[in-house]
Amino acid sequence: MVKLRRRFLGTVLVAALVDVGAPIQPWNALTAAAESEGAGISAAPAASMVSPAVAALLRLARSQADAGHGEQAAATLERALRIEPRNPWLWHRLAVLRLQQGYWDRAAELAKKSSVLARDHRRLLTGNLEVIQAARARISRSNVE
């Protein structure tokens, strides 16, 4: 059985991204920082909750993002979404990736979609709110310049 990492950005996302002067860190740096500080937003549901194909695509997307291939990682996540379109974790992961790539409007849209699907999962909803706030802060900053 595939074991997926269950920890993600949490409050570290706010520290790393809401500071509009801070550069966007790579996916692996944010994840590592979140894990080291015990932040705790899950990156994906438990392995038993996703199909083996989606689990493999998540691993591939992570390795692509870690290697600096953001567009390939996004395409891989979009492929996973074609398999499981109602999986809020996949929408969240894509939102974070788009935020890191500088697609602020798209990141906010994806985080909102994840929130609609997440329903009562507070930690995921909090993570989505952080993505939306970070995107808005970046949009505001770019409008001022």
C-alpha atoms as a PDB file:
ATOM      1  CA  MET A   1       0.000   0.000   0.000  1.00  0.00           C
ATOM      2  CA  VAL A   2       1.250   3.447  -0.852  1.00  0.00           C
ATOM      3  CA  LYS A   3       1.943   5.666   2.125  1.00  0.00           C
ATOM      4  CA  LEU A   4       1.353   9.359   1.499  1.00  0.00           C
ATOM      5  CA  ARG A   5       2.629  12.210   3.595  1.00  0.00           C
ATOM      6  CA  ARG A   6      -0.174  13.517   5.725  1.00  0.00           C
ATOM      7  CA  ARG A   7       1.241  16.858   6.762  1.00  0.00           C
ATOM      8  CA  PHE A   8       1.289  20.041   4.772  1.00  0.00           C
ATOM      9  CA  LEU A   9       1.494  23.782   4.952  1.00  0.00           C
ATOM     10  CA  GLY A  10      -0.687  24.899   7.851  1.00  0.00           C
ATOM     11  CA  THR A  11       0.347  28.086   9.553  1.00  0.00           C
ATOM     12  CA  VAL A  12       3.726  28.039   7.831  1.00  0.00           C
ATOM     13  CA  LEU A  13       1.888  28.958   4.633  1.00  0.00           C
ATOM     14  CA  VAL A  14       0.820  32.211   6.217  1.00  0.00           C
ATOM     15  CA  ALA A  15       4.332  32.984   7.403  1.00  0.00           C
ATOM     16  CA  ALA A  16       5.895  32.112   4.063  1.00  0.00           C
ATOM     17  CA  LEU A  17       3.370  33.566   1.656  1.00  0.00           C
ATOM     18  CA  VAL A  18       1.278  36.286   3.249  1.00  0.00           C
ATOM     19  CA  ASP A  19       4.395  38.348   3.790  1.00  0.00           C
ATOM     20  CA  VAL A  20       4.119  39.966   0.372  1.00  0.00           C
ATOM     21  CA  GLY A  21       7.797  40.782   0.319  1.00  0.00           C
ATOM     22  CA  ALA A  22       8.793  37.155   0.785  1.00  0.00           C
ATOM     23  CA  PRO A  23       9.644  35.085  -2.263  1.00  0.00           C
ATOM     24  CA  ILE A  24       7.538  32.026  -2.936  1.00  0.00           C
ATOM     25  CA  GLN A  25       9.381  28.981  -1.673  1.00  0.00           C
ATOM     26  CA  PRO A  26       9.444  25.687  -3.523  1.00  0.00           C
ATOM     27  CA  TRP A  27       6.814  23.106  -2.644  1.00  0.00           C
ATOM     28  CA  ASN A  28       9.289  20.880  -0.796  1.00  0.00           C
ATOM     29  CA  ALA A  29      10.665  23.757   1.288  1.00  0.00           C
ATOM     30  CA  LEU A  30       7.198  24.770   2.452  1.00  0.00           C
ATOM     31  CA  THR A  31       6.229  21.193   3.214  1.00  0.00           C
ATOM     32  CA  ALA A  32       9.446  20.538   5.121  1.00  0.00           C
ATOM     33  CA  ALA A  33       9.021  23.734   7.116  1.00  0.00           C
ATOM     34  CA  ALA A  34       5.444  22.828   7.965  1.00  0.00           C
ATOM     35  CA  GLU A  35       6.444  19.361   9.089  1.00  0.00           C
ATOM     36  CA  SER A  36       9.338  20.583  11.195  1.00  0.00           C
ATOM     37  CA  GLU A  37       7.137  23.095  12.971  1.00  0.00           C
ATOM     38  CA  GLY A  38       4.231  20.680  13.400  1.00  0.00           C
ATOM     39  CA  ALA A  39       1.772  22.804  11.451  1.00  0.00           C
ATOM     40  CA  GLY A  40      -0.357  19.949  10.263  1.00  0.00           C
ATOM     41  CA  ILE A  41      -2.563  20.560   7.219  1.00  0.00           C
ATOM     42  CA  SER A  42      -2.748  17.212   5.476  1.00  0.00           C
ATOM     43  CA  ALA A  43      -1.470  17.173   1.925  1.00  0.00           C
ATOM     44  CA  ALA A  44      -3.777  14.374   0.921  1.00  0.00           C
ATOM     45  CA  PRO A  45      -6.229  12.000   2.477  1.00  0.00           C
ATOM     46  CA  ALA A  46      -4.995   8.714   3.888  1.00  0.00           C
ATOM     47  CA  ALA A  47      -3.710   6.366   1.212  1.00  0.00           C
ATOM     48  CA  SER A  48      -6.749   4.152   1.685  1.00  0.00           C
ATOM     49  CA  MET A  49      -8.981   7.083   0.668  1.00  0.00           C
ATOM     50  CA  VAL A  50      -7.494   7.622  -2.798  1.00  0.00           C
ATOM     51  CA  SER A  51      -7.163   5.276  -5.709  1.00  0.00           C
ATOM     52  CA  PRO A  52      -3.722   3.794  -6.384  1.00  0.00           C
ATOM     53  CA  ALA A  53      -3.587   5.783  -9.628  1.00  0.00           C
ATOM     54  CA  VAL A  54      -4.184   9.072  -7.804  1.00  0.00           C
ATOM     55  CA  ALA A  55      -1.635   8.151  -5.126  1.00  0.00           C
ATOM     56  CA  ALA A  56       0.942   7.527  -7.855  1.00  0.00           C
ATOM     57  CA  LEU A  57       0.066  10.815  -9.566  1.00  0.00           C
ATOM     58  CA  LEU A  58       0.448  12.698  -6.264  1.00  0.00           C
ATOM     59  CA  ARG A  59       3.927  11.230  -5.808  1.00  0.00           C
ATOM     60  CA  LEU A  60       4.822  12.137  -9.385  1.00  0.00           C
ATOM     61  CA  ALA A  61       3.500  15.699  -9.000  1.00  0.00           C
ATOM     62  CA  ARG A  62       5.509  16.170  -5.833  1.00  0.00           C
ATOM     63  CA  SER A  63       8.713  14.956  -7.464  1.00  0.00           C
ATOM     64  CA  GLN A  64       8.077  17.190 -10.482  1.00  0.00           C
ATOM     65  CA  ALA A  65       7.475  20.210  -8.255  1.00  0.00           C
ATOM     66  CA  ASP A  66      10.552  19.398  -6.168  1.00  0.00           C
ATOM     67  CA  ALA A  67      12.602  19.300  -9.382  1.00  0.00           C
ATOM     68  CA  GLY A  68      11.322  22.738 -10.384  1.00  0.00           C
ATOM     69  CA  HIS A  69       8.926  21.533 -13.072  1.00  0.00           C
ATOM     70  CA  GLY A  70       5.829  23.375 -11.869  1.00  0.00           C
ATOM     71  CA  GLU A  71       3.846  23.168 -15.093  1.00  0.00           C
ATOM     72  CA  GLN A  72       4.415  19.428 -15.329  1.00  0.00           C
ATOM     73  CA  ALA A  73       3.366  19.054 -11.686  1.00  0.00           C
ATOM     74  CA  ALA A  74       0.208  21.079 -12.385  1.00  0.00           C
ATOM     75  CA  ALA A  75      -0.606  18.912 -15.411  1.00  0.00           C
ATOM     76  CA  THR A  76      -0.127  15.803 -13.281  1.00  0.00           C
ATOM     77  CA  LEU A  77      -2.445  17.154 -10.579  1.00  0.00           C
ATOM     78  CA  GLU A  78      -5.018  18.037 -13.234  1.00  0.00           C
ATOM     79  CA  ARG A  79      -4.796  14.461 -14.481  1.00  0.00           C
ATOM     80  CA  ALA A  80      -5.438  13.225 -10.924  1.00  0.00           C
ATOM     81  CA  LEU A  81      -8.439  15.558 -10.771  1.00  0.00           C
ATOM     82  CA  ARG A  82      -9.877  13.945 -13.898  1.00  0.00           C
ATOM     83  CA  ILE A  83      -9.816  10.658 -11.982  1.00  0.00           C
ATOM     84  CA  GLU A  84     -11.151  12.057  -8.683  1.00  0.00           C
ATOM     85  CA  PRO A  85     -12.808  15.411  -9.450  1.00  0.00           C
ATOM     86  CA  ARG A  86     -14.507  15.621  -6.047  1.00  0.00           C
ATOM     87  CA  ASN A  87     -11.306  15.207  -4.033  1.00  0.00           C
ATOM     88  CA  PRO A  88     -10.805  18.518  -2.168  1.00  0.00           C
ATOM     89  CA  TRP A  89      -7.200  17.630  -1.301  1.00  0.00           C
ATOM     90  CA  LEU A  90      -6.234  17.556  -4.973  1.00  0.00           C
ATOM     91  CA  TRP A  91      -7.842  20.957  -5.571  1.00  0.00           C
ATOM     92  CA  HIS A  92      -5.977  22.333  -2.540  1.00  0.00           C
ATOM     93  CA  ARG A  93      -2.652  20.917  -3.712  1.00  0.00           C
ATOM     94  CA  LEU A  94      -3.148  22.485  -7.148  1.00  0.00           C
ATOM     95  CA  ALA A  95      -4.119  25.806  -5.527  1.00  0.00           C
ATOM     96  CA  VAL A  96      -0.894  25.833  -3.497  1.00  0.00           C
ATOM     97  CA  LEU A  97       1.148  25.032  -6.588  1.00  0.00           C
ATOM     98  CA  ARG A  98      -0.527  27.810  -8.603  1.00  0.00           C
ATOM     99  CA  LEU A  99       0.085  30.224  -5.725  1.00  0.00           C
ATOM    100  CA  GLN A 100       3.767  29.321  -5.759  1.00  0.00           C
ATOM    101  CA  GLN A 101       3.854  29.867  -9.519  1.00  0.00           C
ATOM    102  CA  GLY A 102       2.392  33.347  -9.207  1.00  0.00           C
ATOM    103  CA  TYR A 103      -1.060  32.618 -10.623  1.00  0.00           C
ATOM    104  CA  TRP A 104      -2.804  34.436  -7.776  1.00  0.00           C
ATOM    105  CA  ASP A 105      -6.342  34.576  -9.211  1.00  0.00           C
ATOM    106  CA  ARG A 106      -6.271  30.938 -10.251  1.00  0.00           C
ATOM    107  CA  ALA A 107      -4.912  29.873  -6.852  1.00  0.00           C
ATOM    108  CA  ALA A 108      -7.786  31.617  -5.080  1.00  0.00           C
ATOM    109  CA  GLU A 109     -10.350  30.018  -7.426  1.00  0.00           C
ATOM    110  CA  LEU A 110      -8.916  26.550  -6.849  1.00  0.00           C
ATOM    111  CA  ALA A 111      -8.834  27.030  -3.074  1.00  0.00           C
ATOM    112  CA  LYS A 112     -12.488  28.112  -3.151  1.00  0.00           C
ATOM    113  CA  LYS A 113     -13.374  24.980  -5.138  1.00  0.00           C
ATOM    114  CA  SER A 114     -11.545  22.862  -2.566  1.00  0.00           C
ATOM    115  CA  SER A 115     -13.451  24.566   0.239  1.00  0.00           C
ATOM    116  CA  VAL A 116     -16.798  23.821  -1.399  1.00  0.00           C
ATOM    117  CA  LEU A 117     -15.867  20.142  -1.567  1.00  0.00           C
ATOM    118  CA  ALA A 118     -14.217  20.008   1.873  1.00  0.00           C
ATOM    119  CA  ARG A 119     -17.428  20.696   3.783  1.00  0.00           C
ATOM    120  CA  ASP A 120     -16.633  20.159   7.462  1.00  0.00           C
ATOM    121  CA  HIS A 121     -12.902  19.442   7.295  1.00  0.00           C
ATOM    122  CA  ARG A 122     -11.702  22.404   9.342  1.00  0.00           C
ATOM    123  CA  ARG A 123      -7.991  21.959   8.771  1.00  0.00           C
ATOM    124  CA  LEU A 124      -8.396  21.824   5.013  1.00  0.00           C
ATOM    125  CA  LEU A 125     -10.766  24.796   5.088  1.00  0.00           C
ATOM    126  CA  THR A 126      -8.175  26.720   7.103  1.00  0.00           C
ATOM    127  CA  GLY A 127      -5.475  25.838   4.582  1.00  0.00           C
ATOM    128  CA  ASN A 128      -7.700  26.998   1.736  1.00  0.00           C
ATOM    129  CA  LEU A 129      -8.413  30.258   3.527  1.00  0.00           C
ATOM    130  CA  GLU A 130      -4.678  30.808   3.942  1.00  0.00           C
ATOM    131  CA  VAL A 131      -4.138  30.268   0.214  1.00  0.00           C
ATOM    132  CA  ILE A 132      -6.928  32.740  -0.599  1.00  0.00           C
ATOM    133  CA  GLN A 133      -5.532  35.344   1.797  1.00  0.00           C
ATOM    134  CA  ALA A 134      -2.022  34.934   0.423  1.00  0.00           C
ATOM    135  CA  ALA A 135      -3.306  35.257  -3.151  1.00  0.00           C
ATOM    136  CA  ARG A 136      -5.266  38.397  -2.296  1.00  0.00           C
ATOM    137  CA  ALA A 137      -2.226  39.909  -0.604  1.00  0.00           C
ATOM    138  CA  ARG A 138      -0.133  39.238  -3.710  1.00  0.00           C
ATOM    139  CA  ILE A 139      -2.847  40.651  -5.988  1.00  0.00           C
ATOM    140  CA  SER A 140      -3.074  43.796  -3.853  1.00  0.00           C
ATOM    141  CA  ARG A 141       0.677  44.191  -3.937  1.00  0.00           C
ATOM    142  CA  SER A 142       0.828  43.799  -7.724  1.00  0.00           C
ATOM    143  CA  ASN A 143      -1.976  46.353  -8.182  1.00  0.00           C
ATOM    144  CA  VAL A 144      -0.062  48.919  -6.114  1.00  0.00           C
ATOM    145  CA  GLU A 145       3.099  48.551  -8.176  1.00  0.00           C
END
